[in-house]
Amino acid sequence: MDTLDIGQIVYKLIDAKSTVATAESCTGGLIASSIVDIPGASDCFNEGYITYSNEAKMKNLGVKDSTLMVHGAVSAETAKEMAKGVKRVAKSDFGVSSTGIAGPGGGSPKKPVGLVYIACAYGQDKCKVKELHLKGDRTAVRTSATREALLLLADCLLEEEGIN
């Protein structure tokens, strides 16, 4: 799915009798907010977590301390554990996560501002992770990451339905 129609995603989840939960760091609740902006979202949205600190990622989602120590909070591995964790904790069909560096500070040569990882856990044990290199100010990075996370959810939903 290349274009984003959040309503279409929400109604597709409802039609499939599927649920979604979110685990957000750098997007700070924008993914969940985008979903619940759609009338009827209560039929598919289970719950959302803003796990900004490493402690919150471990306590609420089961992200391993070793993952954070070895790979860091901003990593594909952490995004994957966040998505799988929220899917499990919320007992949802889909778990969507985001972790990254929105800026303006906090970046480094290895992990620059605009580096974001998003993930979607679904099915028995499937999980897609995407590395993003986003441009713009803090708001632009967060907005773009939210858009990409919802597109990833749509792709996973289509795959589960056997369309992809």
N, C-alpha and C. Protein backbone atom coordinates (compact mmCIF):
# COMPACT_ATOMS: atom_id res chain seq x y z
N MET A 1 0.86 -1.17 0.00
CA MET A 1 0.00 0.00 0.00
C MET A 1 0.90 1.24 0.00
N ASP A 2 0.76 2.08 -1.00
CA ASP A 2 1.63 3.25 -1.13
C ASP A 2 0.99 4.52 -0.58
N THR A 3 -0.31 4.62 -0.65
CA THR A 3 -0.97 5.82 -0.16
C THR A 3 -1.57 5.53 1.20
N LEU A 4 -1.64 6.56 2.01
CA LEU A 4 -2.13 6.38 3.36
C LEU A 4 -3.55 6.89 3.50
N ASP A 5 -4.45 5.99 3.81
CA ASP A 5 -5.82 6.33 4.18
C ASP A 5 -6.06 5.60 5.50
N ILE A 6 -5.89 6.34 6.59
CA ILE A 6 -5.98 5.72 7.90
C ILE A 6 -7.37 5.10 8.12
N GLY A 7 -8.40 5.78 7.63
CA GLY A 7 -9.75 5.23 7.75
C GLY A 7 -9.86 3.87 7.09
N GLN A 8 -9.27 3.76 5.92
CA GLN A 8 -9.30 2.48 5.19
C GLN A 8 -8.63 1.38 6.01
N ILE A 9 -7.49 1.71 6.65
CA ILE A 9 -6.78 0.73 7.47
C ILE A 9 -7.65 0.31 8.66
N VAL A 10 -8.23 1.29 9.34
CA VAL A 10 -9.07 1.00 10.50
C VAL A 10 -10.27 0.13 10.09
N TYR A 11 -10.94 0.49 9.00
CA TYR A 11 -12.11 -0.28 8.58
C TYR A 11 -11.74 -1.68 8.09
N LYS A 12 -10.55 -1.81 7.52
CA LYS A 12 -10.07 -3.13 7.10
C LYS A 12 -9.81 -4.01 8.34
N LEU A 13 -9.23 -3.41 9.38
CA LEU A 13 -9.02 -4.14 10.64
C LEU A 13 -10.37 -4.58 11.22
N ILE A 14 -11.34 -3.67 11.23
CA ILE A 14 -12.67 -3.98 11.77
C ILE A 14 -13.33 -5.08 10.95
N ASP A 15 -13.28 -4.98 9.63
CA ASP A 15 -13.89 -6.00 8.76
C ASP A 15 -13.25 -7.37 8.99
N ALA A 16 -11.94 -7.37 9.24
CA ALA A 16 -11.22 -8.63 9.46
C ALA A 16 -11.37 -9.12 10.90
N LYS A 17 -12.09 -8.34 11.72
CA LYS A 17 -12.23 -8.65 13.14
C LYS A 17 -10.85 -8.79 13.80
N SER A 18 -9.95 -7.89 13.40
CA SER A 18 -8.59 -7.88 13.91
C SER A 18 -8.38 -6.67 14.82
N THR A 19 -7.41 -6.81 15.72
CA THR A 19 -7.11 -5.74 16.66
C THR A 19 -5.66 -5.30 16.53
N VAL A 20 -5.38 -4.09 16.99
CA VAL A 20 -4.03 -3.53 16.94
C VAL A 20 -3.72 -2.84 18.26
N ALA A 21 -2.45 -2.87 18.63
CA ALA A 21 -1.95 -2.14 19.79
C ALA A 21 -0.65 -1.47 19.38
N THR A 22 -0.31 -0.39 20.06
CA THR A 22 0.88 0.37 19.69
C THR A 22 1.85 0.50 20.85
N ALA A 23 3.14 0.54 20.50
CA ALA A 23 4.23 0.78 21.45
C ALA A 23 5.10 1.85 20.83
N GLU A 24 5.06 3.04 21.39
CA GLU A 24 5.73 4.17 20.76
C GLU A 24 6.78 4.79 21.66
N SER A 25 7.86 5.19 21.02
CA SER A 25 8.87 5.97 21.71
C SER A 25 8.92 7.34 21.05
N CYS A 26 9.64 7.48 19.96
CA CYS A 26 9.84 8.80 19.35
C CYS A 26 8.56 9.43 18.81
N THR A 27 7.56 8.64 18.47
CA THR A 27 6.31 9.21 17.96
C THR A 27 5.38 9.66 19.08
N GLY A 28 5.67 9.27 20.30
CA GLY A 28 4.98 9.79 21.47
C GLY A 28 3.46 9.71 21.46
N GLY A 29 2.89 8.70 20.83
CA GLY A 29 1.43 8.54 20.82
C GLY A 29 0.76 8.95 19.53
N LEU A 30 1.52 9.45 18.56
CA LEU A 30 0.92 9.89 17.30
C LEU A 30 0.31 8.74 16.50
N ILE A 31 0.91 7.56 16.58
CA ILE A 31 0.36 6.41 15.85
C ILE A 31 -1.01 6.07 16.44
N ALA A 32 -1.06 5.93 17.75
CA ALA A 32 -2.34 5.63 18.42
C ALA A 32 -3.36 6.72 18.15
N SER A 33 -2.94 7.97 18.25
CA SER A 33 -3.84 9.09 18.02
C SER A 33 -4.41 9.08 16.60
N SER A 34 -3.57 8.75 15.63
CA SER A 34 -4.03 8.69 14.24
C SER A 34 -5.11 7.63 14.06
N ILE A 35 -4.94 6.51 14.75
CA ILE A 35 -5.92 5.44 14.66
C ILE A 35 -7.22 5.85 15.34
N VAL A 36 -7.13 6.37 16.56
CA VAL A 36 -8.36 6.68 17.29
C VAL A 36 -9.06 7.94 16.79
N ASP A 37 -8.43 8.68 15.89
CA ASP A 37 -9.10 9.79 15.22
C ASP A 37 -10.23 9.31 14.32
N ILE A 38 -10.19 8.04 13.94
CA ILE A 38 -11.18 7.47 13.02
C ILE A 38 -12.38 6.95 13.81
N PRO A 39 -13.59 7.40 13.47
CA PRO A 39 -14.79 6.89 14.16
C PRO A 39 -14.87 5.37 14.04
N GLY A 40 -15.17 4.72 15.13
CA GLY A 40 -15.28 3.26 15.13
C GLY A 40 -14.00 2.55 15.51
N ALA A 41 -12.93 3.30 15.75
CA ALA A 41 -11.63 2.70 16.06
C ALA A 41 -11.68 1.83 17.31
N SER A 42 -12.63 2.08 18.19
CA SER A 42 -12.72 1.26 19.41
C SER A 42 -13.01 -0.20 19.09
N ASP A 43 -13.46 -0.48 17.87
CA ASP A 43 -13.71 -1.87 17.47
C ASP A 43 -12.43 -2.61 17.07
N CYS A 44 -11.31 -1.88 16.95
CA CYS A 44 -10.07 -2.56 16.55
C CYS A 44 -8.84 -2.15 17.36
N PHE A 45 -8.91 -1.02 18.06
CA PHE A 45 -7.74 -0.55 18.80
C PHE A 45 -7.82 -1.03 20.24
N ASN A 46 -6.84 -1.87 20.64
CA ASN A 46 -6.84 -2.41 22.00
C ASN A 46 -6.26 -1.44 23.01
N GLU A 47 -4.99 -1.06 22.80
CA GLU A 47 -4.32 -0.17 23.75
C GLU A 47 -3.02 0.32 23.15
N GLY A 48 -2.48 1.34 23.78
CA GLY A 48 -1.21 1.89 23.32
C GLY A 48 -0.32 2.26 24.49
N TYR A 49 0.97 2.12 24.28
CA TYR A 49 1.96 2.46 25.29
C TYR A 49 2.93 3.47 24.71
N ILE A 50 3.26 4.48 25.51
CA ILE A 50 4.35 5.38 25.16
C ILE A 50 5.49 4.99 26.09
N THR A 51 6.43 4.26 25.53
CA THR A 51 7.55 3.74 26.32
C THR A 51 8.80 4.50 25.94
N TYR A 52 8.89 5.70 26.46
CA TYR A 52 9.98 6.61 26.11
C TYR A 52 11.30 6.18 26.75
N SER A 53 11.23 5.70 27.97
CA SER A 53 12.46 5.29 28.67
C SER A 53 12.74 3.80 28.43
N ASN A 54 14.00 3.44 28.60
CA ASN A 54 14.37 2.02 28.50
C ASN A 54 13.64 1.20 29.56
N GLU A 55 13.50 1.77 30.76
CA GLU A 55 12.81 1.07 31.84
C GLU A 55 11.37 0.76 31.44
N ALA A 56 10.70 1.70 30.81
CA ALA A 56 9.32 1.48 30.38
C ALA A 56 9.25 0.41 29.29
N LYS A 57 10.22 0.41 28.39
CA LYS A 57 10.26 -0.62 27.35
C LYS A 57 10.39 -2.01 27.96
N MET A 58 11.23 -2.13 28.98
CA MET A 58 11.44 -3.43 29.64
C MET A 58 10.21 -3.81 30.48
N LYS A 59 9.72 -2.88 31.31
CA LYS A 59 8.63 -3.17 32.24
C LYS A 59 7.32 -3.47 31.54
N ASN A 60 6.96 -2.66 30.55
CA ASN A 60 5.64 -2.79 29.92
C ASN A 60 5.61 -3.73 28.72
N LEU A 61 6.72 -3.86 28.02
CA LEU A 61 6.72 -4.62 26.76
C LEU A 61 7.61 -5.85 26.79
N GLY A 62 8.42 -5.99 27.82
CA GLY A 62 9.31 -7.15 27.90
C GLY A 62 10.54 -7.05 27.02
N VAL A 63 10.92 -5.84 26.63
CA VAL A 63 12.17 -5.67 25.88
C VAL A 63 13.31 -6.10 26.81
N LYS A 64 14.21 -6.90 26.29
CA LYS A 64 15.30 -7.43 27.11
C LYS A 64 16.36 -6.37 27.38
N ASP A 65 16.84 -6.37 28.61
CA ASP A 65 17.94 -5.48 29.01
C ASP A 65 19.14 -5.71 28.09
N SER A 66 19.40 -6.97 27.76
CA SER A 66 20.55 -7.29 26.91
C SER A 66 20.40 -6.70 25.51
N THR A 67 19.18 -6.63 24.99
CA THR A 67 18.94 -6.02 23.68
C THR A 67 19.28 -4.54 23.73
N LEU A 68 18.83 -3.88 24.78
CA LEU A 68 19.10 -2.45 24.93
C LEU A 68 20.59 -2.18 25.13
N MET A 69 21.26 -3.04 25.88
CA MET A 69 22.69 -2.85 26.15
C MET A 69 23.53 -3.08 24.88
N VAL A 70 23.20 -4.11 24.13
CA VAL A 70 23.99 -4.48 22.95
C VAL A 70 23.65 -3.61 21.74
N HIS A 71 22.36 -3.39 21.49
CA HIS A 71 21.93 -2.70 20.26
C HIS A 71 21.47 -1.26 20.48
N GLY A 72 21.06 -0.94 21.70
CA GLY A 72 20.54 0.38 22.00
C GLY A 72 19.04 0.47 21.80
N ALA A 73 18.47 1.53 22.35
CA ALA A 73 17.02 1.74 22.24
C ALA A 73 16.61 2.00 20.80
N VAL A 74 17.48 2.67 20.06
CA VAL A 74 17.20 2.97 18.65
C VAL A 74 17.88 1.89 17.80
N SER A 75 17.13 0.82 17.56
CA SER A 75 17.67 -0.31 16.80
C SER A 75 16.52 -1.16 16.25
N ALA A 76 16.83 -1.91 15.23
CA ALA A 76 15.84 -2.83 14.66
C ALA A 76 15.42 -3.87 15.68
N GLU A 77 16.39 -4.32 16.46
CA GLU A 77 16.12 -5.36 17.46
C GLU A 77 15.14 -4.87 18.53
N THR A 78 15.34 -3.63 18.99
CA THR A 78 14.44 -3.07 20.00
C THR A 78 13.05 -2.84 19.41
N ALA A 79 12.97 -2.30 18.20
CA ALA A 79 11.67 -2.08 17.55
C ALA A 79 10.90 -3.40 17.44
N LYS A 80 11.61 -4.46 17.07
CA LYS A 80 10.98 -5.78 16.93
C LYS A 80 10.46 -6.28 18.27
N GLU A 81 11.28 -6.16 19.31
CA GLU A 81 10.84 -6.62 20.63
C GLU A 81 9.68 -5.79 21.16
N MET A 82 9.68 -4.50 20.84
CA MET A 82 8.56 -3.63 21.24
C MET A 82 7.27 -4.07 20.56
N ALA A 83 7.33 -4.30 19.25
CA ALA A 83 6.13 -4.71 18.50
C ALA A 83 5.60 -6.05 18.96
N LYS A 84 6.51 -7.01 19.13
CA LYS A 84 6.09 -8.34 19.60
C LYS A 84 5.56 -8.26 21.03
N GLY A 85 6.21 -7.42 21.84
CA GLY A 85 5.79 -7.27 23.23
C GLY A 85 4.41 -6.68 23.37
N VAL A 86 4.12 -5.62 22.62
CA VAL A 86 2.80 -4.99 22.73
C VAL A 86 1.72 -5.90 22.15
N LYS A 87 2.03 -6.64 21.12
CA LYS A 87 1.07 -7.60 20.56
C LYS A 87 0.71 -8.64 21.63
N ARG A 88 1.73 -9.13 22.31
CA ARG A 88 1.53 -10.15 23.35
C ARG A 88 0.76 -9.58 24.55
N VAL A 89 1.24 -8.46 25.09
CA VAL A 89 0.65 -7.87 26.29
C VAL A 89 -0.80 -7.45 26.05
N ALA A 90 -1.08 -6.88 24.90
CA ALA A 90 -2.43 -6.40 24.59
C ALA A 90 -3.33 -7.49 24.01
N LYS A 91 -2.73 -8.66 23.74
CA LYS A 91 -3.48 -9.76 23.12
C LYS A 91 -4.13 -9.29 21.82
N SER A 92 -3.32 -8.58 21.02
CA SER A 92 -3.78 -8.04 19.74
C SER A 92 -3.32 -8.90 18.58
N ASP A 93 -3.96 -8.71 17.45
CA ASP A 93 -3.54 -9.40 16.23
C ASP A 93 -2.33 -8.72 15.60
N PHE A 94 -2.20 -7.41 15.83
CA PHE A 94 -1.08 -6.64 15.29
C PHE A 94 -0.48 -5.78 16.39
N GLY A 95 0.83 -5.69 16.40
CA GLY A 95 1.53 -4.80 17.32
C GLY A 95 2.44 -3.91 16.50
N VAL A 96 2.31 -2.60 16.67
CA VAL A 96 3.09 -1.64 15.89
C VAL A 96 3.98 -0.85 16.84
N SER A 97 5.24 -0.65 16.44
CA SER A 97 6.16 0.09 17.31
C SER A 97 6.98 1.12 16.54
N SER A 98 7.50 2.08 17.31
CA SER A 98 8.42 3.08 16.76
C SER A 98 9.47 3.41 17.81
N THR A 99 10.71 3.56 17.36
CA THR A 99 11.78 4.02 18.23
C THR A 99 12.80 4.75 17.35
N GLY A 100 13.25 5.90 17.80
CA GLY A 100 14.16 6.66 16.96
C GLY A 100 14.63 7.94 17.60
N ILE A 101 15.28 8.75 16.80
CA ILE A 101 15.83 10.03 17.25
C ILE A 101 15.16 11.15 16.45
N ALA A 102 14.24 11.85 17.11
CA ALA A 102 13.47 12.90 16.45
C ALA A 102 14.21 14.23 16.39
N GLY A 103 15.19 14.43 17.28
CA GLY A 103 15.97 15.65 17.27
C GLY A 103 15.33 16.77 18.07
N PRO A 104 15.91 17.93 18.05
CA PRO A 104 17.08 18.30 17.25
C PRO A 104 18.39 17.73 17.81
N GLY A 105 18.41 17.39 19.10
CA GLY A 105 19.61 16.79 19.68
C GLY A 105 19.47 15.29 19.79
N GLY A 106 20.49 14.68 20.39
CA GLY A 106 20.43 13.25 20.66
C GLY A 106 21.04 12.36 19.61
N GLY A 107 21.40 12.93 18.46
CA GLY A 107 21.99 12.12 17.40
C GLY A 107 23.49 11.95 17.58
N SER A 108 24.04 11.02 16.82
CA SER A 108 25.48 10.76 16.80
C SER A 108 25.85 10.35 15.38
N PRO A 109 27.15 10.28 15.07
CA PRO A 109 27.52 9.84 13.72
C PRO A 109 26.95 8.46 13.36
N LYS A 110 26.90 7.54 14.33
CA LYS A 110 26.37 6.20 14.06
C LYS A 110 24.84 6.18 14.03
N LYS A 111 24.23 7.04 14.84
CA LYS A 111 22.77 7.10 14.92
C LYS A 111 22.35 8.57 14.84
N PRO A 112 22.22 9.07 13.62
CA PRO A 112 21.90 10.50 13.44
C PRO A 112 20.43 10.82 13.70
N VAL A 113 20.18 12.10 13.92
CA VAL A 113 18.80 12.59 14.03
C VAL A 113 18.06 12.17 12.75
N GLY A 114 16.86 11.67 12.92
CA GLY A 114 16.06 11.20 11.79
C GLY A 114 16.10 9.70 11.60
N LEU A 115 17.00 9.01 12.34
CA LEU A 115 17.04 7.56 12.28
C LEU A 115 15.89 7.01 13.12
N VAL A 116 15.01 6.26 12.49
CA VAL A 116 13.84 5.69 13.17
C VAL A 116 13.67 4.25 12.71
N TYR A 117 13.31 3.41 13.64
CA TYR A 117 12.95 2.02 13.32
C TYR A 117 11.49 1.84 13.67
N ILE A 118 10.75 1.24 12.75
CA ILE A 118 9.36 0.90 13.00
C ILE A 118 9.21 -0.60 12.80
N ALA A 119 8.25 -1.18 13.46
CA ALA A 119 8.04 -2.62 13.32
C ALA A 119 6.56 -2.93 13.45
N CYS A 120 6.19 -4.04 12.84
CA CYS A 120 4.82 -4.54 12.95
C CYS A 120 4.89 -6.05 13.17
N ALA A 121 4.38 -6.49 14.31
CA ALA A 121 4.31 -7.92 14.62
C ALA A 121 2.89 -8.39 14.31
N TYR A 122 2.79 -9.58 13.72
CA TYR A 122 1.48 -10.09 13.32
C TYR A 122 1.58 -11.58 13.07
N GLY A 123 0.43 -12.21 12.91
CA GLY A 123 0.41 -13.65 12.64
C GLY A 123 0.97 -14.43 13.81
N GLN A 124 1.37 -15.65 13.52
CA GLN A 124 1.91 -16.53 14.55
C GLN A 124 3.20 -15.98 15.15
N ASP A 125 4.16 -15.65 14.28
CA ASP A 125 5.44 -15.13 14.78
C ASP A 125 6.13 -14.27 13.71
N LYS A 126 5.32 -13.51 12.97
CA LYS A 126 5.88 -12.66 11.92
C LYS A 126 6.15 -11.27 12.46
N CYS A 127 7.19 -10.65 11.95
CA CYS A 127 7.47 -9.27 12.33
C CYS A 127 8.30 -8.61 11.24
N LYS A 128 7.79 -7.50 10.73
CA LYS A 128 8.52 -6.72 9.73
C LYS A 128 9.10 -5.49 10.43
N VAL A 129 10.35 -5.21 10.14
CA VAL A 129 11.03 -4.04 10.70
C VAL A 129 11.53 -3.20 9.54
N LYS A 130 11.43 -1.90 9.70
CA LYS A 130 11.88 -0.99 8.65
C LYS A 130 12.77 0.08 9.26
N GLU A 131 13.90 0.34 8.63
CA GLU A 131 14.81 1.41 9.04
C GLU A 131 14.51 2.63 8.18
N LEU A 132 14.30 3.76 8.85
CA LEU A 132 13.98 5.00 8.15
C LEU A 132 15.06 6.04 8.42
N HIS A 133 15.34 6.85 7.42
CA HIS A 133 16.24 7.99 7.56
C HIS A 133 15.42 9.20 7.14
N LEU A 134 14.83 9.86 8.12
CA LEU A 134 13.88 10.93 7.88
C LEU A 134 14.53 12.30 7.99
N LYS A 135 13.99 13.24 7.25
CA LYS A 135 14.52 14.61 7.22
C LYS A 135 13.52 15.57 7.85
N GLY A 136 14.04 16.71 8.27
CA GLY A 136 13.18 17.76 8.80
C GLY A 136 13.36 17.96 10.28
N ASP A 137 12.52 18.84 10.82
CA ASP A 137 12.58 19.13 12.25
C ASP A 137 11.89 18.00 13.04
N ARG A 138 11.85 18.16 14.33
CA ARG A 138 11.29 17.14 15.23
C ARG A 138 9.87 16.74 14.83
N THR A 139 9.04 17.72 14.54
CA THR A 139 7.66 17.44 14.16
C THR A 139 7.60 16.66 12.85
N ALA A 140 8.42 17.05 11.89
CA ALA A 140 8.43 16.36 10.59
C ALA A 140 8.89 14.91 10.74
N VAL A 141 9.90 14.68 11.56
CA VAL A 141 10.40 13.31 11.77
C VAL A 141 9.31 12.46 12.43
N ARG A 142 8.68 12.99 13.45
CA ARG A 142 7.64 12.24 14.16
C ARG A 142 6.43 11.97 13.26
N THR A 143 6.04 12.96 12.48
CA THR A 143 4.90 12.81 11.57
C THR A 143 5.21 11.79 10.47
N SER A 144 6.40 11.87 9.90
CA SER A 144 6.79 10.92 8.86
C SER A 144 6.90 9.50 9.40
N ALA A 145 7.44 9.36 10.60
CA ALA A 145 7.56 8.03 11.22
C ALA A 145 6.18 7.44 11.47
N THR A 146 5.24 8.26 11.90
CA THR A 146 3.87 7.81 12.13
C THR A 146 3.24 7.31 10.83
N ARG A 147 3.42 8.10 9.78
CA ARG A 147 2.88 7.73 8.47
C ARG A 147 3.46 6.39 8.00
N GLU A 148 4.77 6.25 8.13
CA GLU A 148 5.44 5.01 7.69
C GLU A 148 5.00 3.82 8.53
N ALA A 149 4.79 4.02 9.82
CA ALA A 149 4.34 2.92 10.68
C ALA A 149 2.94 2.46 10.28
N LEU A 150 2.07 3.40 9.96
CA LEU A 150 0.72 3.04 9.53
C LEU A 150 0.73 2.34 8.17
N LEU A 151 1.61 2.77 7.28
CA LEU A 151 1.75 2.09 5.99
C LEU A 151 2.27 0.66 6.19
N LEU A 152 3.19 0.50 7.13
CA LEU A 152 3.70 -0.84 7.43
C LEU A 152 2.58 -1.72 7.99
N LEU A 153 1.77 -1.17 8.88
CA LEU A 153 0.61 -1.91 9.39
C LEU A 153 -0.30 -2.33 8.24
N ALA A 154 -0.57 -1.42 7.32
CA ALA A 154 -1.43 -1.73 6.18
C ALA A 154 -0.85 -2.86 5.34
N ASP A 155 0.46 -2.82 5.11
CA ASP A 155 1.12 -3.89 4.34
C ASP A 155 0.99 -5.24 5.05
N CYS A 156 1.19 -5.25 6.35
CA CYS A 156 1.09 -6.49 7.12
C CYS A 156 -0.34 -7.02 7.12
N LEU A 157 -1.30 -6.10 7.22
CA LEU A 157 -2.70 -6.49 7.18
C LEU A 157 -3.05 -7.11 5.83
N LEU A 158 -2.59 -6.50 4.76
CA LEU A 158 -2.83 -7.05 3.42
C LEU A 158 -2.18 -8.43 3.26
N GLU A 159 -0.99 -8.57 3.81
CA GLU A 159 -0.30 -9.87 3.73
C GLU A 159 -1.07 -10.93 4.50
N GLU A 160 -1.57 -10.58 5.68
CA GLU A 160 -2.35 -11.53 6.48
C GLU A 160 -3.63 -11.93 5.77
N GLU A 161 -4.19 -11.01 5.00
CA GLU A 161 -5.41 -11.31 4.25
C GLU A 161 -5.11 -12.09 2.97
N GLY A 162 -3.82 -12.27 2.68
CA GLY A 162 -3.42 -13.02 1.50
C GLY A 162 -3.44 -12.21 0.22
N ILE A 163 -3.41 -10.87 0.35
CA ILE A 163 -3.45 -10.02 -0.85
C ILE A 163 -2.04 -9.83 -1.41
N ASN A 164 -1.04 -9.76 -0.51
CA ASN A 164 0.34 -9.59 -0.98
C ASN A 164 0.99 -10.93 -1.21
